[in-house]
Amino acid sequence: MINFIHQWSKQRSSWALLFFSVLGLELTALYFQYGMDLRPCIMCIYQRTALFGVLLAALLPLLVNQRLTRALGYAVWGVSSVWGFVIAKEHVDIIKAANPFVPCEIVPNFPVWLPLHEWLPRLFAANGDCLENSWQFAGMGMAEWMMVIFGFYTLLLAVVLAAKLAARRTAV
């Protein structure tokens, strides 16, 4: 099984599966925003950005499947999925505390050289409330589901990297 995971991680099909799973989540987020009128808050926008990071991580080796692009893909995937989990956890903590005197920011804090909220406001502008938690599925809100999703992506990366390490050790 370890060898299978190691070998499959080198194939474009594994990166395509990662890419399309994240694309599906991004399209779902847009449906929630524009179809169901659930306006994203600043934390939602940061989580969306982290998902785009995982999407980019999958796109690199999908387009150019070489050792360097896979390594870069793993790095971006790791940073994005862990960062997304931390942001989602922080969002859950904000919702659970429900302190109306500590509002979320309105304008995303993107780097000056990358003002995504100005370049693509329909994707990255935050006009919702962080305490809004009306959408529920299986007893969990969107922020909690995002913790699960980012946790899954992080765990998946850990399994892939562990398989790569184990395969190297058995090859030596």
C-alpha atoms as a PDB file:
ATOM      1  CA  MET A   1       0.000   0.000   0.000  1.00  0.00           C
ATOM      2  CA  ILE A   2       2.819   2.379   0.876  1.00  0.00           C
ATOM      3  CA  ASN A   3       4.520   1.742  -2.453  1.00  0.00           C
ATOM      4  CA  PHE A   4       1.204   2.295  -4.276  1.00  0.00           C
ATOM      5  CA  ILE A   5       0.687   5.675  -2.576  1.00  0.00           C
ATOM      6  CA  HIS A   6       4.292   6.636  -3.300  1.00  0.00           C
ATOM      7  CA  GLN A   7       4.003   5.703  -6.990  1.00  0.00           C
ATOM      8  CA  TRP A   8       0.572   7.258  -7.425  1.00  0.00           C
ATOM      9  CA  SER A   9       1.759  10.554  -5.919  1.00  0.00           C
ATOM     10  CA  LYS A  10       4.078  10.864  -8.923  1.00  0.00           C
ATOM     11  CA  GLN A  11       1.205  10.515 -11.403  1.00  0.00           C
ATOM     12  CA  ARG A  12      -0.767  13.410 -12.848  1.00  0.00           C
ATOM     13  CA  SER A  13      -4.002  11.629 -11.918  1.00  0.00           C
ATOM     14  CA  SER A  14      -3.321  12.083  -8.189  1.00  0.00           C
ATOM     15  CA  TRP A  15      -2.708  15.801  -8.650  1.00  0.00           C
ATOM     16  CA  ALA A  16      -5.799  16.043 -10.872  1.00  0.00           C
ATOM     17  CA  LEU A  17      -7.909  14.464  -8.133  1.00  0.00           C
ATOM     18  CA  LEU A  18      -6.584  16.996  -5.615  1.00  0.00           C
ATOM     19  CA  PHE A  19      -7.150  19.855  -8.073  1.00  0.00           C
ATOM     20  CA  PHE A  20     -10.732  18.891  -8.903  1.00  0.00           C
ATOM     21  CA  SER A  21     -11.663  18.238  -5.274  1.00  0.00           C
ATOM     22  CA  VAL A  22     -10.551  21.762  -4.342  1.00  0.00           C
ATOM     23  CA  LEU A  23     -12.175  23.237  -7.453  1.00  0.00           C
ATOM     24  CA  GLY A  24     -15.431  21.589  -6.370  1.00  0.00           C
ATOM     25  CA  LEU A  25     -15.113  23.186  -2.936  1.00  0.00           C
ATOM     26  CA  GLU A  26     -14.409  26.599  -4.454  1.00  0.00           C
ATOM     27  CA  LEU A  27     -17.431  26.313  -6.758  1.00  0.00           C
ATOM     28  CA  THR A  28     -19.548  25.243  -3.788  1.00  0.00           C
ATOM     29  CA  ALA A  29     -18.374  28.320  -1.876  1.00  0.00           C
ATOM     30  CA  LEU A  30     -19.425  30.518  -4.796  1.00  0.00           C
ATOM     31  CA  TYR A  31     -22.816  28.805  -4.867  1.00  0.00           C
ATOM     32  CA  PHE A  32     -23.229  29.490  -1.147  1.00  0.00           C
ATOM     33  CA  GLN A  33     -22.246  33.104  -1.740  1.00  0.00           C
ATOM     34  CA  TYR A  34     -24.247  33.877  -4.869  1.00  0.00           C
ATOM     35  CA  GLY A  35     -26.899  31.168  -4.989  1.00  0.00           C
ATOM     36  CA  MET A  36     -27.813  31.040  -1.304  1.00  0.00           C
ATOM     37  CA  ASP A  37     -26.803  34.636  -0.466  1.00  0.00           C
ATOM     38  CA  LEU A  38     -24.487  33.588   2.375  1.00  0.00           C
ATOM     39  CA  ARG A  39     -22.050  36.484   2.424  1.00  0.00           C
ATOM     40  CA  PRO A  40     -18.450  35.549   3.293  1.00  0.00           C
ATOM     41  CA  CYS A  41     -16.756  37.131   6.272  1.00  0.00           C
ATOM     42  CA  ILE A  42     -13.061  37.910   6.503  1.00  0.00           C
ATOM     43  CA  MET A  43     -12.302  34.474   7.974  1.00  0.00           C
ATOM     44  CA  CYS A  44     -14.206  32.824   5.116  1.00  0.00           C
ATOM     45  CA  ILE A  45     -12.151  34.821   2.620  1.00  0.00           C
ATOM     46  CA  TYR A  46      -8.906  33.730   4.279  1.00  0.00           C
ATOM     47  CA  GLN A  47     -10.081  30.106   4.164  1.00  0.00           C
ATOM     48  CA  ARG A  48     -11.015  30.562   0.503  1.00  0.00           C
ATOM     49  CA  THR A  49      -7.520  31.910  -0.127  1.00  0.00           C
ATOM     50  CA  ALA A  50      -5.992  28.881   1.594  1.00  0.00           C
ATOM     51  CA  LEU A  51      -8.092  26.617  -0.636  1.00  0.00           C
ATOM     52  CA  PHE A  52      -6.802  28.487  -3.674  1.00  0.00           C
ATOM     53  CA  GLY A  53      -3.310  27.759  -2.337  1.00  0.00           C
ATOM     54  CA  VAL A  54      -4.061  24.016  -2.360  1.00  0.00           C
ATOM     55  CA  LEU A  55      -5.550  24.438  -5.846  1.00  0.00           C
ATOM     56  CA  LEU A  56      -2.343  26.101  -7.057  1.00  0.00           C
ATOM     57  CA  ALA A  57      -0.269  23.405  -5.330  1.00  0.00           C
ATOM     58  CA  ALA A  58      -2.115  20.751  -7.342  1.00  0.00           C
ATOM     59  CA  LEU A  59      -1.985  22.730 -10.577  1.00  0.00           C
ATOM     60  CA  LEU A  60       1.820  23.000 -10.659  1.00  0.00           C
ATOM     61  CA  PRO A  61       2.609  19.261 -10.964  1.00  0.00           C
ATOM     62  CA  LEU A  62      -0.549  18.733 -12.992  1.00  0.00           C
ATOM     63  CA  LEU A  63       0.829  21.023 -15.704  1.00  0.00           C
ATOM     64  CA  VAL A  64       4.536  20.147 -15.360  1.00  0.00           C
ATOM     65  CA  ASN A  65       4.988  16.805 -13.620  1.00  0.00           C
ATOM     66  CA  GLN A  66       8.622  16.940 -12.535  1.00  0.00           C
ATOM     67  CA  ARG A  67      10.358  16.365  -9.216  1.00  0.00           C
ATOM     68  CA  LEU A  68      10.816  20.115  -8.597  1.00  0.00           C
ATOM     69  CA  THR A  69       7.186  21.026  -9.297  1.00  0.00           C
ATOM     70  CA  ARG A  70       5.971  18.136  -7.127  1.00  0.00           C
ATOM     71  CA  ALA A  71       8.232  19.302  -4.282  1.00  0.00           C
ATOM     72  CA  LEU A  72       6.939  22.845  -4.670  1.00  0.00           C
ATOM     73  CA  GLY A  73       3.401  21.465  -4.827  1.00  0.00           C
ATOM     74  CA  TYR A  74       3.912  19.576  -1.554  1.00  0.00           C
ATOM     75  CA  ALA A  75       5.280  22.706   0.132  1.00  0.00           C
ATOM     76  CA  VAL A  76       2.445  24.968  -1.029  1.00  0.00           C
ATOM     77  CA  TRP A  77      -0.120  22.259  -0.227  1.00  0.00           C
ATOM     78  CA  GLY A  78       1.272  21.889   3.290  1.00  0.00           C
ATOM     79  CA  VAL A  79       1.426  25.597   4.057  1.00  0.00           C
ATOM     80  CA  SER A  80      -2.025  26.222   2.605  1.00  0.00           C
ATOM     81  CA  SER A  81      -3.808  23.320   4.277  1.00  0.00           C
ATOM     82  CA  VAL A  82      -2.257  23.967   7.708  1.00  0.00           C
ATOM     83  CA  TRP A  83      -2.892  27.704   7.420  1.00  0.00           C
ATOM     84  CA  GLY A  84      -6.492  26.999   6.351  1.00  0.00           C
ATOM     85  CA  PHE A  85      -6.990  24.708   9.343  1.00  0.00           C
ATOM     86  CA  VAL A  86      -5.643  27.347  11.738  1.00  0.00           C
ATOM     87  CA  ILE A  87      -7.903  30.031  10.244  1.00  0.00           C
ATOM     88  CA  ALA A  88     -10.949  27.717  10.343  1.00  0.00           C
ATOM     89  CA  LYS A  89     -10.195  26.862  14.001  1.00  0.00           C
ATOM     90  CA  GLU A  90      -9.895  30.543  14.809  1.00  0.00           C
ATOM     91  CA  HIS A  91     -13.221  31.142  13.052  1.00  0.00           C
ATOM     92  CA  VAL A  92     -14.889  28.390  15.100  1.00  0.00           C
ATOM     93  CA  ASP A  93     -13.469  29.963  18.264  1.00  0.00           C
ATOM     94  CA  ILE A  94     -14.913  33.358  17.266  1.00  0.00           C
ATOM     95  CA  ILE A  95     -18.340  31.812  16.653  1.00  0.00           C
ATOM     96  CA  LYS A  96     -18.302  29.863  19.924  1.00  0.00           C
ATOM     97  CA  ALA A  97     -17.245  32.929  21.923  1.00  0.00           C
ATOM     98  CA  ALA A  98     -19.950  34.985  20.169  1.00  0.00           C
ATOM     99  CA  ASN A  99     -18.571  38.262  21.459  1.00  0.00           C
ATOM    100  CA  PRO A 100     -20.286  41.075  19.523  1.00  0.00           C
ATOM    101  CA  PHE A 101     -17.764  43.583  20.916  1.00  0.00           C
ATOM    102  CA  VAL A 102     -14.864  41.945  19.050  1.00  0.00           C
ATOM    103  CA  PRO A 103     -15.951  42.191  15.428  1.00  0.00           C
ATOM    104  CA  CYS A 104     -13.976  40.773  12.556  1.00  0.00           C
ATOM    105  CA  GLU A 105     -12.172  43.055  10.175  1.00  0.00           C
ATOM    106  CA  ILE A 106     -14.017  44.066   7.028  1.00  0.00           C
ATOM    107  CA  VAL A 107     -11.072  44.543   4.662  1.00  0.00           C
ATOM    108  CA  PRO A 108      -8.815  41.531   4.097  1.00  0.00           C
ATOM    109  CA  ASN A 109      -5.217  41.947   5.195  1.00  0.00           C
ATOM    110  CA  PHE A 110      -3.578  40.780   1.973  1.00  0.00           C
ATOM    111  CA  PRO A 111      -0.024  41.890   1.149  1.00  0.00           C
ATOM    112  CA  VAL A 112       0.283  45.255  -0.576  1.00  0.00           C
ATOM    113  CA  TRP A 113       1.706  43.511  -3.662  1.00  0.00           C
ATOM    114  CA  LEU A 114      -1.252  41.075  -3.797  1.00  0.00           C
ATOM    115  CA  PRO A 115      -4.525  42.938  -3.078  1.00  0.00           C
ATOM    116  CA  LEU A 116      -6.818  40.089  -4.134  1.00  0.00           C
ATOM    117  CA  HIS A 117      -9.873  41.821  -2.667  1.00  0.00           C
ATOM    118  CA  GLU A 118      -9.286  44.740  -5.064  1.00  0.00           C
ATOM    119  CA  TRP A 119      -8.332  42.674  -8.111  1.00  0.00           C
ATOM    120  CA  LEU A 120     -11.107  40.074  -7.729  1.00  0.00           C
ATOM    121  CA  PRO A 121     -13.703  41.519  -5.358  1.00  0.00           C
ATOM    122  CA  ARG A 122     -16.375  38.992  -6.372  1.00  0.00           C
ATOM    123  CA  LEU A 123     -14.104  36.256  -5.001  1.00  0.00           C
ATOM    124  CA  PHE A 124     -12.162  37.934  -2.199  1.00  0.00           C
ATOM    125  CA  ALA A 125     -14.209  40.840  -0.806  1.00  0.00           C
ATOM    126  CA  ALA A 126     -15.525  40.205   2.694  1.00  0.00           C
ATOM    127  CA  ASN A 127     -18.996  41.580   3.311  1.00  0.00           C
ATOM    128  CA  GLY A 128     -20.346  39.087   5.833  1.00  0.00           C
ATOM    129  CA  ASP A 129     -20.343  38.722   9.598  1.00  0.00           C
ATOM    130  CA  CYS A 130     -17.961  36.268  11.284  1.00  0.00           C
ATOM    131  CA  LEU A 131     -20.651  35.348  13.812  1.00  0.00           C
ATOM    132  CA  GLU A 132     -23.097  34.284  11.078  1.00  0.00           C
ATOM    133  CA  ASN A 133     -23.533  30.533  11.436  1.00  0.00           C
ATOM    134  CA  SER A 134     -26.982  29.829   9.992  1.00  0.00           C
ATOM    135  CA  TRP A 135     -25.914  27.142   7.499  1.00  0.00           C
ATOM    136  CA  GLN A 136     -25.616  23.769   9.195  1.00  0.00           C
ATOM    137  CA  PHE A 137     -25.044  20.239   7.935  1.00  0.00           C
ATOM    138  CA  ALA A 138     -24.954  17.210  10.227  1.00  0.00           C
ATOM    139  CA  GLY A 139     -24.895  19.492  13.252  1.00  0.00           C
ATOM    140  CA  MET A 140     -21.827  21.460  12.160  1.00  0.00           C
ATOM    141  CA  GLY A 141     -21.492  24.927  10.669  1.00  0.00           C
ATOM    142  CA  MET A 142     -19.389  25.939   7.705  1.00  0.00           C
ATOM    143  CA  ALA A 143     -16.325  26.899   9.770  1.00  0.00           C
ATOM    144  CA  GLU A 144     -16.370  23.511  11.496  1.00  0.00           C
ATOM    145  CA  TRP A 145     -16.670  21.736   8.141  1.00  0.00           C
ATOM    146  CA  MET A 146     -13.717  23.748   6.874  1.00  0.00           C
ATOM    147  CA  MET A 147     -11.683  22.484   9.849  1.00  0.00           C
ATOM    148  CA  VAL A 148     -12.586  18.944   8.779  1.00  0.00           C
ATOM    149  CA  ILE A 149     -11.714  19.642   5.140  1.00  0.00           C
ATOM    150  CA  PHE A 150      -8.370  21.288   5.899  1.00  0.00           C
ATOM    151  CA  GLY A 151      -7.624  18.575   8.455  1.00  0.00           C
ATOM    152  CA  PHE A 152      -8.283  15.966   5.771  1.00  0.00           C
ATOM    153  CA  TYR A 153      -6.013  17.710   3.249  1.00  0.00           C
ATOM    154  CA  THR A 154      -3.274  18.013   5.875  1.00  0.00           C
ATOM    155  CA  LEU A 155      -3.615  14.359   6.875  1.00  0.00           C
ATOM    156  CA  LEU A 156      -3.599  13.302   3.229  1.00  0.00           C
ATOM    157  CA  LEU A 157      -0.371  15.198   2.649  1.00  0.00           C
ATOM    158  CA  ALA A 158       1.171  13.590   5.735  1.00  0.00           C
ATOM    159  CA  VAL A 159       0.233  10.121   4.438  1.00  0.00           C
ATOM    160  CA  VAL A 160       1.722  10.860   1.010  1.00  0.00           C
ATOM    161  CA  LEU A 161       4.955  12.219   2.487  1.00  0.00           C
ATOM    162  CA  ALA A 162       5.201   9.292   4.923  1.00  0.00           C
ATOM    163  CA  ALA A 163       4.758   6.865   2.007  1.00  0.00           C
ATOM    164  CA  LYS A 164       7.498   8.660   0.090  1.00  0.00           C
ATOM    165  CA  LEU A 165       9.827   8.413   3.082  1.00  0.00           C
ATOM    166  CA  ALA A 166       9.014   4.742   3.672  1.00  0.00           C
ATOM    167  CA  ALA A 167       9.538   3.934  -0.005  1.00  0.00           C
ATOM    168  CA  ARG A 168      12.946   5.632   0.082  1.00  0.00           C
ATOM    169  CA  ARG A 169      13.986   3.682   3.168  1.00  0.00           C
ATOM    170  CA  THR A 170      13.028   0.340   1.623  1.00  0.00           C
ATOM    171  CA  ALA A 171      14.845   1.255  -1.597  1.00  0.00           C
ATOM    172  CA  VAL A 172      18.125   1.826   0.247  1.00  0.00           C
END
